[in-house]
Amino acid sequence: METAEIRLTVLFEDPFWVGLFERVCNGRYSVCKITFGAEPKDFAVYEYILSRWDTLEFSPALDCPPPDTRRVNPKRRQRLLQKQAGAGIGTKAQQALKLQQEQAKTDRKIRCRQRKEDEAARKFRIREEKRRDKHRGH
């Protein structure tokens, strides 16, 4: 059976408000970061989730240990939730985002290199064509 847990954290990263989607699916952790701009209202976040959920680009999945499922004292749970709310982005999320950034960086370098090679080949063809035209006396 496939299980999935999704969590959205909205936080302020100067100068924009950012949403951090964290997804744990079958023991694999991935994250997606979106920028809202101005402080989003609850209905705007809900509308964003409904309209653009399928276009979110999550980072490559990382292994995640299974959560501890034993019953926790309510006061302890409250302390843990307050601590978690103050922490913002967790280290797993940072690692996943960094991995996503690295992949985007390598993809961008590959595209840029290919574009430069294509442009150099095009200029070479033009130069060769001009040289042949001069040789023919045109």
N, C-alpha and C. Protein backbone atom coordinates (compact mmCIF):
# COMPACT_ATOMS: atom_id res chain seq x y z
N MET A 1 0.84 -1.18 0.00
CA MET A 1 0.00 0.00 0.00
C MET A 1 0.88 1.24 0.00
N GLU A 2 0.55 2.17 -0.82
CA GLU A 2 1.32 3.40 -0.94
C GLU A 2 0.79 4.45 0.03
N THR A 3 1.70 5.03 0.82
CA THR A 3 1.31 6.09 1.74
C THR A 3 2.06 7.35 1.39
N ALA A 4 1.40 8.48 1.59
CA ALA A 4 2.02 9.77 1.29
C ALA A 4 1.64 10.76 2.38
N GLU A 5 2.61 11.57 2.75
CA GLU A 5 2.38 12.64 3.72
C GLU A 5 2.92 13.92 3.11
N ILE A 6 2.10 14.95 3.08
CA ILE A 6 2.50 16.21 2.48
C ILE A 6 2.30 17.32 3.51
N ARG A 7 3.31 18.21 3.57
CA ARG A 7 3.25 19.31 4.53
C ARG A 7 3.65 20.59 3.81
N LEU A 8 2.92 21.66 4.06
CA LEU A 8 3.24 22.97 3.50
C LEU A 8 3.61 23.91 4.63
N THR A 9 4.77 24.54 4.49
CA THR A 9 5.22 25.54 5.45
C THR A 9 5.36 26.85 4.70
N VAL A 10 4.68 27.89 5.18
CA VAL A 10 4.79 29.22 4.58
C VAL A 10 5.64 30.05 5.51
N LEU A 11 6.72 30.63 4.98
CA LEU A 11 7.62 31.42 5.80
C LEU A 11 8.13 32.62 5.03
N PHE A 12 8.69 33.57 5.77
CA PHE A 12 9.16 34.82 5.18
C PHE A 12 10.67 34.73 5.01
N GLU A 13 11.13 34.79 3.75
CA GLU A 13 12.55 34.89 3.43
C GLU A 13 12.72 36.23 2.74
N ASP A 14 13.31 37.15 3.45
CA ASP A 14 13.40 38.53 3.00
C ASP A 14 13.81 38.61 1.54
N PRO A 15 13.11 39.24 0.65
CA PRO A 15 11.95 40.11 0.79
C PRO A 15 10.62 39.44 0.40
N PHE A 16 10.59 38.11 0.23
CA PHE A 16 9.39 37.44 -0.26
C PHE A 16 8.88 36.40 0.74
N TRP A 17 7.60 36.05 0.57
CA TRP A 17 7.01 34.94 1.30
C TRP A 17 7.19 33.70 0.44
N VAL A 18 7.59 32.62 1.08
CA VAL A 18 7.93 31.39 0.38
C VAL A 18 7.11 30.24 0.94
N GLY A 19 6.69 29.35 0.06
CA GLY A 19 6.00 28.13 0.47
C GLY A 19 6.92 26.94 0.26
N LEU A 20 6.98 26.07 1.22
CA LEU A 20 7.85 24.90 1.16
C LEU A 20 6.98 23.65 1.27
N PHE A 21 6.82 22.93 0.16
CA PHE A 21 6.07 21.68 0.14
C PHE A 21 7.04 20.55 0.43
N GLU A 22 6.75 19.77 1.47
CA GLU A 22 7.55 18.61 1.81
C GLU A 22 6.68 17.37 1.61
N ARG A 23 7.22 16.38 0.91
CA ARG A 23 6.44 15.18 0.60
C ARG A 23 7.23 13.94 1.01
N VAL A 24 6.59 13.06 1.78
CA VAL A 24 7.17 11.78 2.13
C VAL A 24 6.26 10.72 1.54
N CYS A 25 6.78 9.97 0.59
CA CYS A 25 5.99 8.96 -0.10
C CYS A 25 6.78 7.65 -0.10
N ASN A 26 6.25 6.65 0.57
CA ASN A 26 6.89 5.33 0.68
C ASN A 26 8.32 5.43 1.19
N GLY A 27 8.53 6.24 2.20
CA GLY A 27 9.85 6.34 2.80
C GLY A 27 10.83 7.18 2.00
N ARG A 28 10.37 7.90 1.01
CA ARG A 28 11.22 8.76 0.18
C ARG A 28 10.79 10.21 0.40
N TYR A 29 11.76 11.10 0.65
CA TYR A 29 11.49 12.49 0.99
C TYR A 29 11.87 13.39 -0.18
N SER A 30 10.97 14.29 -0.57
CA SER A 30 11.27 15.28 -1.61
C SER A 30 10.61 16.59 -1.22
N VAL A 31 11.10 17.67 -1.81
CA VAL A 31 10.66 19.00 -1.41
C VAL A 31 10.53 19.89 -2.65
N CYS A 32 9.66 20.89 -2.55
CA CYS A 32 9.47 21.86 -3.62
C CYS A 32 9.32 23.24 -2.99
N LYS A 33 10.00 24.23 -3.53
CA LYS A 33 9.95 25.58 -2.98
C LYS A 33 9.29 26.49 -4.00
N ILE A 34 8.29 27.26 -3.54
CA ILE A 34 7.62 28.23 -4.42
C ILE A 34 7.67 29.60 -3.76
N THR A 35 7.65 30.64 -4.56
CA THR A 35 7.69 32.00 -4.06
C THR A 35 6.33 32.63 -4.28
N PHE A 36 5.75 33.16 -3.20
CA PHE A 36 4.44 33.80 -3.28
C PHE A 36 4.56 35.29 -3.57
N GLY A 37 5.60 35.95 -3.09
CA GLY A 37 5.72 37.39 -3.22
C GLY A 37 5.19 38.04 -1.96
N ALA A 38 4.02 38.66 -2.06
CA ALA A 38 3.39 39.27 -0.88
C ALA A 38 2.83 38.17 0.02
N GLU A 39 2.51 38.52 1.26
CA GLU A 39 2.02 37.52 2.21
C GLU A 39 0.72 36.93 1.69
N PRO A 40 0.69 35.60 1.49
CA PRO A 40 -0.52 34.99 0.93
C PRO A 40 -1.59 34.76 2.00
N LYS A 41 -2.82 34.92 1.60
CA LYS A 41 -3.95 34.60 2.47
C LYS A 41 -4.20 33.10 2.40
N ASP A 42 -4.95 32.58 3.36
CA ASP A 42 -5.23 31.14 3.39
C ASP A 42 -5.95 30.69 2.12
N PHE A 43 -6.93 31.47 1.66
CA PHE A 43 -7.67 31.06 0.47
C PHE A 43 -6.79 31.10 -0.77
N ALA A 44 -5.81 32.03 -0.82
CA ALA A 44 -4.91 32.11 -1.96
C ALA A 44 -3.99 30.89 -2.01
N VAL A 45 -3.52 30.45 -0.84
CA VAL A 45 -2.68 29.25 -0.78
C VAL A 45 -3.48 28.04 -1.20
N TYR A 46 -4.71 27.92 -0.71
CA TYR A 46 -5.57 26.79 -1.07
C TYR A 46 -5.85 26.78 -2.57
N GLU A 47 -6.13 27.94 -3.13
CA GLU A 47 -6.38 28.05 -4.57
C GLU A 47 -5.14 27.67 -5.36
N TYR A 48 -3.96 28.10 -4.89
CA TYR A 48 -2.71 27.75 -5.56
C TYR A 48 -2.51 26.23 -5.58
N ILE A 49 -2.78 25.60 -4.44
CA ILE A 49 -2.62 24.15 -4.36
C ILE A 49 -3.58 23.45 -5.33
N LEU A 50 -4.83 23.89 -5.37
CA LEU A 50 -5.81 23.25 -6.24
C LEU A 50 -5.49 23.46 -7.72
N SER A 51 -5.02 24.65 -8.08
CA SER A 51 -4.82 24.94 -9.50
C SER A 51 -3.48 24.50 -10.04
N ARG A 52 -2.43 24.48 -9.19
CA ARG A 52 -1.08 24.22 -9.72
C ARG A 52 -0.39 23.02 -9.09
N TRP A 53 -1.11 22.17 -8.42
CA TRP A 53 -0.47 21.03 -7.75
C TRP A 53 0.29 20.16 -8.73
N ASP A 54 -0.29 19.92 -9.91
CA ASP A 54 0.34 19.00 -10.87
C ASP A 54 1.57 19.61 -11.54
N THR A 55 1.79 20.93 -11.43
CA THR A 55 2.95 21.55 -12.07
C THR A 55 4.12 21.76 -11.11
N LEU A 56 3.96 21.40 -9.84
CA LEU A 56 5.05 21.57 -8.87
C LEU A 56 6.19 20.62 -9.21
N GLU A 57 7.42 21.14 -9.16
CA GLU A 57 8.60 20.33 -9.46
C GLU A 57 9.30 19.99 -8.16
N PHE A 58 9.10 18.77 -7.71
CA PHE A 58 9.72 18.31 -6.48
C PHE A 58 11.16 17.89 -6.76
N SER A 59 11.99 18.00 -5.72
CA SER A 59 13.38 17.60 -5.82
C SER A 59 13.48 16.08 -5.95
N PRO A 60 14.64 15.59 -6.34
CA PRO A 60 14.82 14.14 -6.35
C PRO A 60 14.61 13.57 -4.94
N ALA A 61 14.06 12.39 -4.87
CA ALA A 61 13.70 11.81 -3.58
C ALA A 61 14.93 11.33 -2.83
N LEU A 62 14.93 11.58 -1.52
CA LEU A 62 15.97 11.10 -0.62
C LEU A 62 15.38 10.05 0.29
N ASP A 63 16.21 9.13 0.77
CA ASP A 63 15.72 8.14 1.73
C ASP A 63 15.38 8.83 3.04
N CYS A 64 14.30 8.37 3.65
CA CYS A 64 13.83 8.97 4.90
C CYS A 64 13.50 7.84 5.87
N PRO A 65 14.04 7.89 7.08
CA PRO A 65 13.69 6.83 8.03
C PRO A 65 12.21 6.91 8.42
N PRO A 66 11.60 5.77 8.72
CA PRO A 66 10.17 5.81 9.08
C PRO A 66 9.96 6.57 10.38
N PRO A 67 8.85 7.31 10.48
CA PRO A 67 8.60 8.08 11.69
C PRO A 67 8.27 7.18 12.88
N ASP A 68 8.51 7.71 14.06
CA ASP A 68 8.20 6.99 15.29
C ASP A 68 6.68 7.09 15.52
N THR A 69 5.98 5.94 15.57
CA THR A 69 4.52 5.95 15.62
C THR A 69 3.95 5.74 17.03
N ARG A 70 4.78 5.74 18.05
CA ARG A 70 4.25 5.53 19.39
C ARG A 70 3.51 6.77 19.89
N ARG A 71 2.65 6.58 20.86
CA ARG A 71 1.84 7.67 21.40
C ARG A 71 2.72 8.62 22.20
N VAL A 72 2.53 9.94 21.96
CA VAL A 72 3.32 10.96 22.63
C VAL A 72 2.42 11.75 23.57
N ASN A 73 2.97 12.08 24.73
CA ASN A 73 2.25 12.88 25.71
C ASN A 73 1.78 14.19 25.04
N PRO A 74 0.53 14.64 25.26
CA PRO A 74 0.02 15.85 24.61
C PRO A 74 0.87 17.10 24.88
N LYS A 75 1.36 17.26 26.10
CA LYS A 75 2.19 18.43 26.39
C LYS A 75 3.51 18.36 25.62
N ARG A 76 4.10 17.19 25.55
CA ARG A 76 5.34 17.02 24.81
C ARG A 76 5.10 17.28 23.32
N ARG A 77 3.97 16.76 22.81
CA ARG A 77 3.63 16.98 21.40
C ARG A 77 3.49 18.47 21.12
N GLN A 78 2.84 19.20 22.03
CA GLN A 78 2.67 20.64 21.86
C GLN A 78 4.03 21.34 21.83
N ARG A 79 4.94 20.95 22.73
CA ARG A 79 6.28 21.54 22.74
C ARG A 79 7.02 21.26 21.44
N LEU A 80 6.89 20.02 20.98
CA LEU A 80 7.55 19.65 19.73
C LEU A 80 7.01 20.44 18.55
N LEU A 81 5.69 20.62 18.50
CA LEU A 81 5.08 21.39 17.41
C LEU A 81 5.51 22.85 17.44
N GLN A 82 5.59 23.44 18.65
CA GLN A 82 6.05 24.82 18.76
C GLN A 82 7.50 24.95 18.31
N LYS A 83 8.31 23.99 18.70
CA LYS A 83 9.72 23.99 18.31
C LYS A 83 9.85 23.85 16.79
N GLN A 84 9.04 22.96 16.22
CA GLN A 84 9.07 22.73 14.78
C GLN A 84 8.58 23.96 14.01
N ALA A 85 7.58 24.64 14.52
CA ALA A 85 7.04 25.83 13.85
C ALA A 85 8.07 26.95 13.85
N GLY A 86 8.88 27.05 14.89
CA GLY A 86 9.89 28.10 14.96
C GLY A 86 11.10 27.80 14.10
N ALA A 87 11.33 26.53 13.79
CA ALA A 87 12.54 26.14 13.07
C ALA A 87 12.48 26.53 11.59
N GLY A 88 11.31 26.49 10.96
CA GLY A 88 11.21 26.82 9.54
C GLY A 88 11.69 25.66 8.68
N ILE A 89 12.63 25.92 7.82
CA ILE A 89 13.12 24.90 6.90
C ILE A 89 14.03 23.93 7.64
N GLY A 90 13.73 22.66 7.53
CA GLY A 90 14.55 21.64 8.18
C GLY A 90 15.76 21.28 7.35
N THR A 91 16.67 20.56 7.93
CA THR A 91 17.89 20.20 7.21
C THR A 91 17.61 19.27 6.05
N LYS A 92 16.62 18.37 6.17
CA LYS A 92 16.28 17.50 5.04
C LYS A 92 15.81 18.33 3.86
N ALA A 93 14.97 19.33 4.17
CA ALA A 93 14.47 20.20 3.10
C ALA A 93 15.62 20.95 2.45
N GLN A 94 16.56 21.43 3.25
CA GLN A 94 17.70 22.16 2.70
C GLN A 94 18.53 21.24 1.80
N GLN A 95 18.74 20.00 2.22
CA GLN A 95 19.50 19.07 1.41
C GLN A 95 18.79 18.78 0.10
N ALA A 96 17.49 18.57 0.17
CA ALA A 96 16.72 18.26 -1.03
C ALA A 96 16.71 19.45 -1.99
N LEU A 97 16.54 20.66 -1.45
CA LEU A 97 16.56 21.85 -2.31
C LEU A 97 17.93 22.04 -2.93
N LYS A 98 18.99 21.80 -2.17
CA LYS A 98 20.34 21.93 -2.70
C LYS A 98 20.57 20.94 -3.83
N LEU A 99 20.08 19.72 -3.67
CA LEU A 99 20.20 18.71 -4.73
C LEU A 99 19.45 19.16 -5.99
N GLN A 100 18.25 19.73 -5.80
CA GLN A 100 17.47 20.22 -6.93
C GLN A 100 18.20 21.37 -7.62
N GLN A 101 18.80 22.27 -6.85
CA GLN A 101 19.55 23.39 -7.42
C GLN A 101 20.75 22.88 -8.22
N GLU A 102 21.45 21.89 -7.70
CA GLU A 102 22.61 21.33 -8.40
C GLU A 102 22.20 20.71 -9.73
N GLN A 103 21.07 19.99 -9.73
CA GLN A 103 20.61 19.38 -10.98
C GLN A 103 20.21 20.45 -12.00
N ALA A 104 19.54 21.50 -11.53
CA ALA A 104 19.16 22.59 -12.43
C ALA A 104 20.40 23.28 -12.98
N LYS A 105 21.42 23.41 -12.14
CA LYS A 105 22.67 24.05 -12.55
C LYS A 105 23.35 23.23 -13.65
N THR A 106 23.43 21.91 -13.48
CA THR A 106 24.07 21.08 -14.49
C THR A 106 23.26 21.08 -15.79
N ASP A 107 21.93 21.05 -15.69
CA ASP A 107 21.09 21.12 -16.89
C ASP A 107 21.31 22.43 -17.63
N ARG A 108 21.39 23.53 -16.87
CA ARG A 108 21.60 24.84 -17.47
C ARG A 108 22.97 24.91 -18.16
N LYS A 109 24.00 24.34 -17.53
CA LYS A 109 25.33 24.33 -18.13
C LYS A 109 25.34 23.54 -19.43
N ILE A 110 24.66 22.40 -19.44
CA ILE A 110 24.60 21.57 -20.65
C ILE A 110 23.91 22.33 -21.78
N ARG A 111 22.76 22.97 -21.46
CA ARG A 111 22.04 23.73 -22.49
C ARG A 111 22.88 24.88 -23.02
N CYS A 112 23.58 25.59 -22.11
CA CYS A 112 24.40 26.73 -22.50
C CYS A 112 25.56 26.28 -23.39
N ARG A 113 26.22 25.18 -23.00
CA ARG A 113 27.34 24.67 -23.78
C ARG A 113 26.87 24.26 -25.18
N GLN A 114 25.71 23.60 -25.25
CA GLN A 114 25.18 23.17 -26.55
C GLN A 114 24.85 24.38 -27.42
N ARG A 115 24.27 25.43 -26.81
CA ARG A 115 23.95 26.63 -27.55
C ARG A 115 25.21 27.29 -28.09
N LYS A 116 26.28 27.34 -27.27
CA LYS A 116 27.55 27.93 -27.72
C LYS A 116 28.16 27.13 -28.87
N GLU A 117 28.11 25.81 -28.76
CA GLU A 117 28.65 24.97 -29.83
C GLU A 117 27.87 25.16 -31.13
N ASP A 118 26.55 25.24 -31.03
CA ASP A 118 25.72 25.46 -32.22
C ASP A 118 26.04 26.80 -32.86
N GLU A 119 26.20 27.84 -32.02
CA GLU A 119 26.52 29.17 -32.54
C GLU A 119 27.89 29.18 -33.20
N ALA A 120 28.87 28.51 -32.60
CA ALA A 120 30.22 28.45 -33.19
C ALA A 120 30.19 27.71 -34.52
N ALA A 121 29.42 26.62 -34.60
CA ALA A 121 29.31 25.87 -35.85
C ALA A 121 28.64 26.72 -36.93
N ARG A 122 27.63 27.48 -36.54
CA ARG A 122 26.94 28.35 -37.51
C ARG A 122 27.89 29.42 -38.04
N LYS A 123 28.66 30.05 -37.15
CA LYS A 123 29.61 31.07 -37.58
C LYS A 123 30.69 30.48 -38.48
N PHE A 124 31.14 29.26 -38.15
CA PHE A 124 32.14 28.60 -38.98
C PHE A 124 31.60 28.34 -40.38
N ARG A 125 30.34 27.86 -40.47
CA ARG A 125 29.73 27.62 -41.78
C ARG A 125 29.66 28.92 -42.59
N ILE A 126 29.29 30.01 -41.94
CA ILE A 126 29.20 31.30 -42.63
C ILE A 126 30.57 31.73 -43.14
N ARG A 127 31.60 31.58 -42.28
CA ARG A 127 32.97 31.95 -42.68
C ARG A 127 33.43 31.13 -43.88
N GLU A 128 33.19 29.82 -43.82
CA GLU A 128 33.59 28.94 -44.92
C GLU A 128 32.86 29.33 -46.21
N GLU A 129 31.60 29.63 -46.09
CA GLU A 129 30.81 30.00 -47.26
C GLU A 129 31.35 31.30 -47.88
N LYS A 130 31.67 32.28 -47.04
CA LYS A 130 32.25 33.54 -47.54
C LYS A 130 33.59 33.28 -48.22
N ARG A 131 34.40 32.42 -47.62
CA ARG A 131 35.72 32.12 -48.19
C ARG A 131 35.56 31.46 -49.57
N ARG A 132 34.62 30.53 -49.69
CA ARG A 132 34.39 29.87 -50.98
C ARG A 132 33.89 30.88 -52.02
N ASP A 133 32.99 31.79 -51.60
CA ASP A 133 32.47 32.81 -52.52
C ASP A 133 33.59 33.72 -53.01
N LYS A 134 34.50 34.10 -52.14
CA LYS A 134 35.63 34.95 -52.56
C LYS A 134 36.53 34.20 -53.54
N HIS A 135 36.73 32.94 -53.32
CA HIS A 135 37.59 32.13 -54.17
C HIS A 135 37.01 32.00 -55.57
N ARG A 136 35.69 31.97 -55.67
CA ARG A 136 35.03 31.84 -56.96
C ARG A 136 35.02 33.17 -57.72
N GLY A 137 35.29 34.26 -57.01
CA GLY A 137 35.30 35.55 -57.67
C GLY A 137 33.98 36.26 -57.64
N HIS A 138 33.11 35.92 -56.71
CA HIS A 138 31.79 36.56 -56.63
C HIS A 138 31.86 37.80 -55.80
